Amino acid sequence: MKYIKTNEAPAAVGPYSQAVVSNGMIYCSGQIGIDANGNLAEGLEMQLQQIMNNIKAVLRAEGSDLVHVVKTTLYLTDISQFEVVNNIYGRYFSVSLPARSTVGVSSLPKGALIEIEVVAEVVA
């Protein structure tokens, strides 16, 4: 296993890694809409944009990108916002369409509205 750590995304704040590489796959920990300084973006759309920037930074640290994402899991505190999230999400995944699960949850760390984790291929 290889552990990914980049200063371009929020540092892990507990006993976990930003991502782990194993058997040709990158397993990214869930990202909420905080920047590398720990500031939470305001509103669902801005949080989702920050999350995607964080994910791209973590993948880039291993030489990968969104095109190589094979699975995403979204956690929403307000599942009624699914359509809004889906429209924004589609801007990032319009060519390659990873498998996806979306789960409604009661709360997330720091009062975040959404969290996303991804699994991606290592680019050879």
Protein backbone atom coordinates (compact mmCIF):
# COMPACT_ATOMS: atom_id res chain seq x y z
CA MET A 1 0.00 0.00 0.00
CA LYS A 2 0.99 3.58 -0.61
CA TYR A 3 -0.44 6.56 1.26
CA ILE A 4 -1.20 9.78 -0.59
CA LYS A 5 -0.64 13.12 1.11
CA THR A 6 -0.83 16.48 -0.64
CA ASN A 7 -0.84 20.02 0.70
CA GLU A 8 -3.24 20.98 -2.12
CA ALA A 9 -6.14 19.35 -0.24
CA PRO A 10 -7.22 19.42 3.41
CA ALA A 11 -5.00 17.35 5.67
CA ALA A 12 -6.47 14.33 7.41
CA VAL A 13 -7.67 15.40 10.86
CA GLY A 14 -7.77 11.94 12.35
CA PRO A 15 -6.23 8.50 12.03
CA TYR A 16 -6.77 8.17 8.26
CA SER A 17 -5.11 9.10 4.96
CA GLN A 18 -6.26 11.44 2.22
CA ALA A 19 -6.07 8.38 -0.01
CA VAL A 20 -4.51 4.94 -0.24
CA VAL A 21 -3.19 3.24 -3.37
CA SER A 22 -3.56 -0.53 -3.51
CA ASN A 23 -3.62 -3.00 -6.39
CA GLY A 24 -3.80 -0.32 -9.06
CA MET A 25 -6.64 1.60 -7.42
CA ILE A 26 -6.79 4.89 -5.49
CA TYR A 27 -9.21 4.88 -2.56
CA CYS A 28 -9.89 8.48 -1.57
CA SER A 29 -11.24 9.33 1.85
CA GLY A 30 -14.44 11.33 1.91
CA GLN A 31 -14.01 15.03 1.20
CA ILE A 32 -16.16 17.83 2.53
CA GLY A 33 -16.12 21.38 1.17
CA ILE A 34 -13.20 22.71 3.16
CA ASP A 35 -10.09 24.23 1.69
CA ALA A 36 -6.52 23.35 2.64
CA ASN A 37 -6.78 25.85 5.55
CA GLY A 38 -9.86 24.14 6.98
CA ASN A 39 -12.38 26.80 5.93
CA LEU A 40 -15.81 25.44 4.97
CA ALA A 41 -17.24 26.90 1.76
CA GLU A 42 -20.64 28.54 2.09
CA GLY A 43 -23.64 26.84 0.52
CA LEU A 44 -24.14 23.56 -1.27
CA GLU A 45 -22.84 24.61 -4.68
CA MET A 46 -19.64 26.15 -3.31
CA GLN A 47 -19.05 23.15 -1.05
CA LEU A 48 -19.46 20.77 -3.99
CA GLN A 49 -17.01 22.80 -6.08
CA GLN A 50 -14.47 22.76 -3.24
CA ILE A 51 -14.94 19.02 -2.80
CA MET A 52 -14.24 18.41 -6.46
CA ASN A 53 -11.12 20.62 -6.28
CA ASN A 54 -9.96 18.58 -3.28
CA ILE A 55 -10.59 15.28 -5.05
CA LYS A 56 -8.77 16.46 -8.16
CA ALA A 57 -5.79 17.50 -6.01
CA VAL A 58 -5.61 14.14 -4.24
CA LEU A 59 -5.88 12.23 -7.52
CA ARG A 60 -3.32 14.51 -9.18
CA ALA A 61 -0.85 13.69 -6.37
CA GLU A 62 -0.86 10.13 -7.72
CA GLY A 63 -0.89 11.23 -11.38
CA SER A 64 -4.58 10.43 -11.89
CA ASP A 65 -7.67 12.52 -12.60
CA LEU A 66 -11.46 12.50 -12.70
CA VAL A 67 -11.54 10.57 -15.98
CA HIS A 68 -10.17 7.57 -14.10
CA VAL A 69 -12.76 7.61 -11.30
CA VAL A 70 -14.70 4.35 -11.32
CA LYS A 71 -16.96 4.80 -8.26
CA THR A 72 -18.27 7.71 -6.21
CA THR A 73 -20.32 7.80 -3.03
CA LEU A 74 -22.17 10.99 -2.13
CA TYR A 75 -23.51 11.74 1.34
CA LEU A 76 -26.15 14.49 1.50
CA THR A 77 -27.66 16.03 4.61
CA ASP A 78 -30.69 17.10 2.54
CA ILE A 79 -31.62 14.46 -0.02
CA SER A 80 -34.19 16.86 -1.50
CA GLN A 81 -31.16 18.67 -2.98
CA PHE A 82 -30.34 15.62 -5.11
CA GLU A 83 -31.29 17.31 -8.40
CA VAL A 84 -29.16 20.38 -7.63
CA VAL A 85 -26.20 18.16 -6.75
CA ASN A 86 -26.76 16.01 -9.81
CA ASN A 87 -26.60 19.05 -12.11
CA ILE A 88 -23.34 20.32 -10.59
CA TYR A 89 -21.85 16.81 -10.37
CA GLY A 90 -22.56 16.34 -14.09
CA ARG A 91 -20.22 19.23 -14.93
CA TYR A 92 -17.33 17.19 -13.54
CA PHE A 93 -18.37 13.78 -14.85
CA SER A 94 -19.74 14.38 -18.32
CA VAL A 95 -17.45 12.13 -20.37
CA SER A 96 -16.61 9.29 -18.03
CA LEU A 97 -19.56 8.25 -15.89
CA PRO A 98 -18.46 6.41 -12.75
CA ALA A 99 -20.77 4.14 -10.81
CA ARG A 100 -22.39 6.13 -8.01
CA SER A 101 -24.29 5.78 -4.77
CA THR A 102 -26.04 8.65 -3.00
CA VAL A 103 -26.96 8.41 0.66
CA GLY A 104 -29.01 10.76 2.82
CA VAL A 105 -27.39 11.35 6.21
CA SER A 106 -28.42 13.33 9.28
CA SER A 107 -25.17 15.28 9.67
CA LEU A 108 -21.57 15.60 8.50
CA PRO A 109 -18.38 16.95 10.10
CA LYS A 110 -18.11 20.75 10.51
CA GLY A 111 -21.75 21.16 9.49
CA ALA A 112 -20.97 20.26 5.87
CA LEU A 113 -23.91 19.74 3.53
CA ILE A 114 -22.25 17.09 1.36
CA GLU A 115 -19.33 14.65 1.44
CA ILE A 116 -17.95 12.67 -1.50
CA GLU A 117 -15.55 9.74 -1.63
CA VAL A 118 -14.13 8.25 -4.80
CA VAL A 119 -12.29 5.22 -6.07
CA ALA A 120 -10.11 5.74 -9.15
CA GLU A 121 -7.66 3.85 -11.30
CA VAL A 122 -3.94 4.51 -11.07
CA VAL A 123 -2.77 5.85 -14.42
CA ALA A 124 0.05 3.72 -15.79
